[in-house]
Amino acid sequence: MISYACNKAGLSPTTIGMTGLESINSSQESQEARERVSMRTREIALNSWRKTLTELFNKYLQVYDYIQGKEPHDYTSFIKIHFSEYSSPSIESMTDVIAKQVAAGLKSPIRAIEELNKGYDREDAEQEFMDILAASGQPVLEDALGDGEQATAANIEHTAQTNGNSGNSDPTKKAN
């Protein structure tokens, strides 16, 4: 179980002194052989799912035809089930996806920081975001009370949207 947890965390089990199948000490040939078996098993499972889903969708369309008072047809030639290639999600690919979600306005920068840094709570994510803004030279809003405390999450995200998305990197100019 420790070896499995290390692999899921992206660490080599040898980092903590474990040896075994996942060890670097195992030969490249044995690692490739294990991967071929798992990919073959995955392909067998996906073929089974393709057949099952094709039959399911075909039955659904035939029942729909029947409900509409039409003659049911065989739709299997029109149904194409495609599964994407297997790839283990890396931190880089997860970061790219989350960055695209933030750029599209589907996710807030604070939420993205929380998601990428699993140990962060909301306060940690807000502090990290303010540090990022400060490091990039963007102004960070202070609390409306003027007591020197840092901005709330809403003000932080508003600052990011007006400074980052408007294309206005000059802090002396006001965003529209």
C-alpha atoms as a PDB file:
ATOM      1  CA  MET A   1       0.000   0.000   0.000  1.00  0.00           C
ATOM      2  CA  ILE A   2       2.889   2.339   0.748  1.00  0.00           C
ATOM      3  CA  SER A   3       4.331   1.670  -2.690  1.00  0.00           C
ATOM      4  CA  TYR A   4       0.934   2.378  -4.293  1.00  0.00           C
ATOM      5  CA  ALA A   5       0.597   5.644  -2.349  1.00  0.00           C
ATOM      6  CA  CYS A   6       4.104   6.706  -3.381  1.00  0.00           C
ATOM      7  CA  ASN A   7       3.345   5.997  -7.043  1.00  0.00           C
ATOM      8  CA  LYS A   8       0.079   7.968  -6.863  1.00  0.00           C
ATOM      9  CA  ALA A   9       1.992  10.871  -5.312  1.00  0.00           C
ATOM     10  CA  GLY A  10       4.492  10.782  -8.173  1.00  0.00           C
ATOM     11  CA  LEU A  11       7.338   9.534  -5.976  1.00  0.00           C
ATOM     12  CA  SER A  12       9.570   6.562  -6.542  1.00  0.00           C
ATOM     13  CA  PRO A  13       9.212   3.932  -3.784  1.00  0.00           C
ATOM     14  CA  THR A  14      13.002   3.835  -3.589  1.00  0.00           C
ATOM     15  CA  THR A  15      12.854   7.401  -2.248  1.00  0.00           C
ATOM     16  CA  ILE A  16      11.793   5.966   1.092  1.00  0.00           C
ATOM     17  CA  GLY A  17      13.969   2.876   0.787  1.00  0.00           C
ATOM     18  CA  MET A  18      11.425   0.435  -0.654  1.00  0.00           C
ATOM     19  CA  THR A  19      12.380  -2.079  -3.306  1.00  0.00           C
ATOM     20  CA  GLY A  20      10.170  -4.291  -5.406  1.00  0.00           C
ATOM     21  CA  LEU A  21       8.335  -4.266  -8.712  1.00  0.00           C
ATOM     22  CA  GLU A  22       8.034  -0.471  -8.831  1.00  0.00           C
ATOM     23  CA  SER A  23      11.702  -0.084  -7.896  1.00  0.00           C
ATOM     24  CA  ILE A  24      14.219   1.505 -10.202  1.00  0.00           C
ATOM     25  CA  ASN A  25      16.271  -1.650  -9.634  1.00  0.00           C
ATOM     26  CA  SER A  26      13.812  -3.669 -11.719  1.00  0.00           C
ATOM     27  CA  SER A  27      14.816  -3.980 -15.340  1.00  0.00           C
ATOM     28  CA  GLN A  28      13.416  -1.766 -18.075  1.00  0.00           C
ATOM     29  CA  GLU A  29      12.139  -4.885 -19.853  1.00  0.00           C
ATOM     30  CA  SER A  30      10.061  -5.975 -16.851  1.00  0.00           C
ATOM     31  CA  GLN A  31       8.620  -2.483 -16.472  1.00  0.00           C
ATOM     32  CA  GLU A  32       7.653  -2.425 -20.156  1.00  0.00           C
ATOM     33  CA  ALA A  33       6.144  -5.920 -19.853  1.00  0.00           C
ATOM     34  CA  ARG A  34       3.965  -4.823 -16.920  1.00  0.00           C
ATOM     35  CA  GLU A  35       2.851  -1.750 -18.851  1.00  0.00           C
ATOM     36  CA  ARG A  36       1.944  -3.817 -21.940  1.00  0.00           C
ATOM     37  CA  VAL A  37      -0.221  -6.110 -19.812  1.00  0.00           C
ATOM     38  CA  SER A  38      -2.041  -3.204 -18.198  1.00  0.00           C
ATOM     39  CA  MET A  39      -2.563  -1.464 -21.561  1.00  0.00           C
ATOM     40  CA  ARG A  40      -3.825  -4.726 -23.079  1.00  0.00           C
ATOM     41  CA  THR A  41      -6.209  -5.197 -20.143  1.00  0.00           C
ATOM     42  CA  ARG A  42      -7.413  -1.609 -20.543  1.00  0.00           C
ATOM     43  CA  GLU A  43      -8.029  -2.110 -24.270  1.00  0.00           C
ATOM     44  CA  ILE A  44     -10.025  -5.296 -23.600  1.00  0.00           C
ATOM     45  CA  ALA A  45     -12.176  -3.445 -21.067  1.00  0.00           C
ATOM     46  CA  LEU A  46     -12.682  -0.483 -23.427  1.00  0.00           C
ATOM     47  CA  ASN A  47     -13.724  -2.766 -26.288  1.00  0.00           C
ATOM     48  CA  SER A  48     -16.311  -4.321 -23.997  1.00  0.00           C
ATOM     49  CA  TRP A  49     -17.584  -0.851 -23.037  1.00  0.00           C
ATOM     50  CA  ARG A  50     -17.727   0.238 -26.690  1.00  0.00           C
ATOM     51  CA  LYS A  51     -19.904  -2.759 -27.551  1.00  0.00           C
ATOM     52  CA  THR A  52     -22.156  -2.296 -24.504  1.00  0.00           C
ATOM     53  CA  LEU A  53     -22.578   1.461 -25.002  1.00  0.00           C
ATOM     54  CA  THR A  54     -23.256   1.035 -28.721  1.00  0.00           C
ATOM     55  CA  GLU A  55     -25.993  -1.495 -27.960  1.00  0.00           C
ATOM     56  CA  LEU A  56     -27.435   0.756 -25.245  1.00  0.00           C
ATOM     57  CA  PHE A  57     -27.564   3.850 -27.468  1.00  0.00           C
ATOM     58  CA  ASN A  58     -29.014   1.819 -30.335  1.00  0.00           C
ATOM     59  CA  LYS A  59     -31.798   0.488 -28.068  1.00  0.00           C
ATOM     60  CA  TYR A  60     -32.461   4.001 -26.778  1.00  0.00           C
ATOM     61  CA  LEU A  61     -32.827   5.380 -30.317  1.00  0.00           C
ATOM     62  CA  GLN A  62     -35.064   2.479 -31.323  1.00  0.00           C
ATOM     63  CA  VAL A  63     -37.329   3.059 -28.308  1.00  0.00           C
ATOM     64  CA  TYR A  64     -37.405   6.767 -29.163  1.00  0.00           C
ATOM     65  CA  ASP A  65     -38.485   5.891 -32.720  1.00  0.00           C
ATOM     66  CA  TYR A  66     -41.194   3.604 -31.324  1.00  0.00           C
ATOM     67  CA  ILE A  67     -42.473   6.335 -28.969  1.00  0.00           C
ATOM     68  CA  GLN A  68     -42.582   8.792 -31.882  1.00  0.00           C
ATOM     69  CA  GLY A  69     -44.662   6.294 -33.882  1.00  0.00           C
ATOM     70  CA  LYS A  70     -41.888   5.612 -36.402  1.00  0.00           C
ATOM     71  CA  GLU A  71     -40.482   2.328 -37.590  1.00  0.00           C
ATOM     72  CA  PRO A  72     -37.431   1.460 -35.385  1.00  0.00           C
ATOM     73  CA  HIS A  73     -34.142   1.352 -37.315  1.00  0.00           C
ATOM     74  CA  ASP A  74     -30.746  -0.086 -36.554  1.00  0.00           C
ATOM     75  CA  TYR A  75     -28.443   2.841 -35.634  1.00  0.00           C
ATOM     76  CA  THR A  76     -25.294   0.873 -34.788  1.00  0.00           C
ATOM     77  CA  SER A  77     -23.469   2.029 -37.929  1.00  0.00           C
ATOM     78  CA  PHE A  78     -23.976   5.675 -36.875  1.00  0.00           C
ATOM     79  CA  ILE A  79     -22.800   5.269 -33.276  1.00  0.00           C
ATOM     80  CA  LYS A  80     -19.079   5.796 -32.728  1.00  0.00           C
ATOM     81  CA  ILE A  81     -17.718   5.409 -29.190  1.00  0.00           C
ATOM     82  CA  HIS A  82     -14.256   6.880 -28.669  1.00  0.00           C
ATOM     83  CA  PHE A  83     -12.145   6.796 -25.514  1.00  0.00           C
ATOM     84  CA  SER A  84      -9.153   9.083 -25.253  1.00  0.00           C
ATOM     85  CA  GLU A  85      -5.671   7.690 -24.989  1.00  0.00           C
ATOM     86  CA  TYR A  86      -4.523   6.734 -21.550  1.00  0.00           C
ATOM     87  CA  SER A  87      -2.171   9.147 -19.882  1.00  0.00           C
ATOM     88  CA  SER A  88      -1.394   9.599 -16.237  1.00  0.00           C
ATOM     89  CA  PRO A  89      -2.246  13.164 -15.248  1.00  0.00           C
ATOM     90  CA  SER A  90       0.935  15.049 -14.448  1.00  0.00           C
ATOM     91  CA  ILE A  91       1.107  18.230 -12.420  1.00  0.00           C
ATOM     92  CA  GLU A  92       1.918  20.075 -15.654  1.00  0.00           C
ATOM     93  CA  SER A  93      -1.178  18.795 -17.466  1.00  0.00           C
ATOM     94  CA  MET A  94      -3.397  19.521 -14.450  1.00  0.00           C
ATOM     95  CA  THR A  95      -1.924  23.033 -14.234  1.00  0.00           C
ATOM     96  CA  ASP A  96      -2.595  23.621 -17.938  1.00  0.00           C
ATOM     97  CA  VAL A  97      -6.224  22.523 -17.596  1.00  0.00           C
ATOM     98  CA  ILE A  98      -6.805  24.680 -14.518  1.00  0.00           C
ATOM     99  CA  ALA A  99      -5.094  27.681 -16.164  1.00  0.00           C
ATOM    100  CA  LYS A 100      -7.424  27.333 -19.159  1.00  0.00           C
ATOM    101  CA  GLN A 101     -10.420  27.165 -16.801  1.00  0.00           C
ATOM    102  CA  VAL A 102      -9.294  30.361 -15.034  1.00  0.00           C
ATOM    103  CA  ALA A 103      -8.655  32.126 -18.368  1.00  0.00           C
ATOM    104  CA  ALA A 104     -12.116  31.121 -19.602  1.00  0.00           C
ATOM    105  CA  GLY A 105     -13.729  32.398 -16.415  1.00  0.00           C
ATOM    106  CA  LEU A 106     -14.875  28.934 -15.341  1.00  0.00           C
ATOM    107  CA  LYS A 107     -12.815  28.923 -12.158  1.00  0.00           C
ATOM    108  CA  SER A 108     -11.530  31.649  -9.863  1.00  0.00           C
ATOM    109  CA  PRO A 109      -7.790  32.092  -9.307  1.00  0.00           C
ATOM    110  CA  ILE A 110      -8.252  31.422  -5.587  1.00  0.00           C
ATOM    111  CA  ARG A 111     -10.064  28.137  -6.273  1.00  0.00           C
ATOM    112  CA  ALA A 112      -7.338  27.159  -8.758  1.00  0.00           C
ATOM    113  CA  ILE A 113      -4.639  27.733  -6.138  1.00  0.00           C
ATOM    114  CA  GLU A 114      -6.604  25.640  -3.617  1.00  0.00           C
ATOM    115  CA  GLU A 115      -7.001  22.841  -6.147  1.00  0.00           C
ATOM    116  CA  LEU A 116      -3.336  22.750  -7.145  1.00  0.00           C
ATOM    117  CA  ASN A 117      -2.111  22.941  -3.545  1.00  0.00           C
ATOM    118  CA  LYS A 118      -4.129  20.277  -1.741  1.00  0.00           C
ATOM    119  CA  GLY A 119      -2.960  21.330   1.734  1.00  0.00           C
ATOM    120  CA  TYR A 120      -4.077  24.946   1.335  1.00  0.00           C
ATOM    121  CA  ASP A 121      -7.197  26.291   2.977  1.00  0.00           C
ATOM    122  CA  ARG A 122      -8.993  29.391   1.695  1.00  0.00           C
ATOM    123  CA  GLU A 123      -6.816  31.765   3.702  1.00  0.00           C
ATOM    124  CA  ASP A 124      -3.588  30.177   2.447  1.00  0.00           C
ATOM    125  CA  ALA A 125      -4.839  30.361  -1.147  1.00  0.00           C
ATOM    126  CA  GLU A 126      -5.761  34.043  -0.753  1.00  0.00           C
ATOM    127  CA  GLN A 127      -2.319  34.819   0.679  1.00  0.00           C
ATOM    128  CA  GLU A 128      -0.642  32.926  -2.167  1.00  0.00           C
ATOM    129  CA  PHE A 129      -2.718  34.844  -4.710  1.00  0.00           C
ATOM    130  CA  MET A 130      -1.805  38.187  -3.130  1.00  0.00           C
ATOM    131  CA  ASP A 131       1.867  37.168  -3.208  1.00  0.00           C
ATOM    132  CA  ILE A 132       1.527  36.330  -6.909  1.00  0.00           C
ATOM    133  CA  LEU A 133      -0.097  39.708  -7.612  1.00  0.00           C
ATOM    134  CA  ALA A 134       2.577  41.548  -5.643  1.00  0.00           C
ATOM    135  CA  ALA A 135       5.395  39.642  -7.367  1.00  0.00           C
ATOM    136  CA  SER A 136       3.975  40.529 -10.781  1.00  0.00           C
ATOM    137  CA  GLY A 137       3.814  44.228  -9.868  1.00  0.00           C
ATOM    138  CA  GLN A 138       0.037  44.418  -9.723  1.00  0.00           C
ATOM    139  CA  PRO A 139      -1.528  46.442  -6.903  1.00  0.00           C
ATOM    140  CA  VAL A 140      -3.184  44.555  -4.069  1.00  0.00           C
ATOM    141  CA  LEU A 141      -6.256  46.240  -2.610  1.00  0.00           C
ATOM    142  CA  GLU A 142      -6.345  46.997   1.097  1.00  0.00           C
ATOM    143  CA  ASP A 143      -9.369  46.487   3.299  1.00  0.00           C
ATOM    144  CA  ALA A 144     -12.094  49.094   2.922  1.00  0.00           C
ATOM    145  CA  LEU A 145     -11.708  49.994   6.614  1.00  0.00           C
ATOM    146  CA  GLY A 146      -8.175  51.191   5.942  1.00  0.00           C
ATOM    147  CA  ASP A 147      -6.722  49.359   8.932  1.00  0.00           C
ATOM    148  CA  GLY A 148      -3.950  47.860   6.817  1.00  0.00           C
ATOM    149  CA  GLU A 149      -5.406  44.373   6.620  1.00  0.00           C
ATOM    150  CA  GLN A 150      -5.296  42.655   3.292  1.00  0.00           C
ATOM    151  CA  ALA A 151      -8.189  42.372   0.873  1.00  0.00           C
ATOM    152  CA  THR A 152     -11.027  39.887   0.991  1.00  0.00           C
ATOM    153  CA  ALA A 153     -11.283  37.134  -1.587  1.00  0.00           C
ATOM    154  CA  ALA A 154     -13.844  39.119  -3.597  1.00  0.00           C
ATOM    155  CA  ASN A 155     -11.541  42.158  -3.747  1.00  0.00           C
ATOM    156  CA  ILE A 156      -8.565  39.984  -4.643  1.00  0.00           C
ATOM    157  CA  GLU A 157     -10.391  38.320  -7.507  1.00  0.00           C
ATOM    158  CA  HIS A 158     -11.733  41.704  -8.664  1.00  0.00           C
ATOM    159  CA  THR A 159      -8.169  43.044  -8.669  1.00  0.00           C
ATOM    160  CA  ALA A 160      -7.010  40.092 -10.763  1.00  0.00           C
ATOM    161  CA  GLN A 161      -9.833  40.519 -13.240  1.00  0.00           C
ATOM    162  CA  THR A 162      -9.399  44.256 -13.701  1.00  0.00           C
ATOM    163  CA  ASN A 163      -5.614  44.154 -13.826  1.00  0.00           C
ATOM    164  CA  GLY A 164      -4.969  40.800 -15.468  1.00  0.00           C
ATOM    165  CA  ASN A 165      -7.792  40.499 -17.955  1.00  0.00           C
ATOM    166  CA  SER A 166      -8.088  44.089 -19.103  1.00  0.00           C
ATOM    167  CA  GLY A 167      -4.604  44.090 -20.594  1.00  0.00           C
ATOM    168  CA  ASN A 168      -3.798  47.117 -18.415  1.00  0.00           C
ATOM    169  CA  SER A 169      -0.563  46.348 -16.621  1.00  0.00           C
ATOM    170  CA  ASP A 170       0.108  49.971 -15.645  1.00  0.00           C
ATOM    171  CA  PRO A 171      -1.004  50.309 -11.998  1.00  0.00           C
ATOM    172  CA  THR A 172      -1.334  54.089 -12.329  1.00  0.00           C
ATOM    173  CA  LYS A 173      -4.166  53.802 -14.852  1.00  0.00           C
ATOM    174  CA  LYS A 174      -7.675  52.843 -13.812  1.00  0.00           C
ATOM    175  CA  ALA A 175      -9.400  49.905 -15.445  1.00  0.00           C
ATOM    176  CA  ASN A 176     -12.802  50.441 -17.073  1.00  0.00           C
END
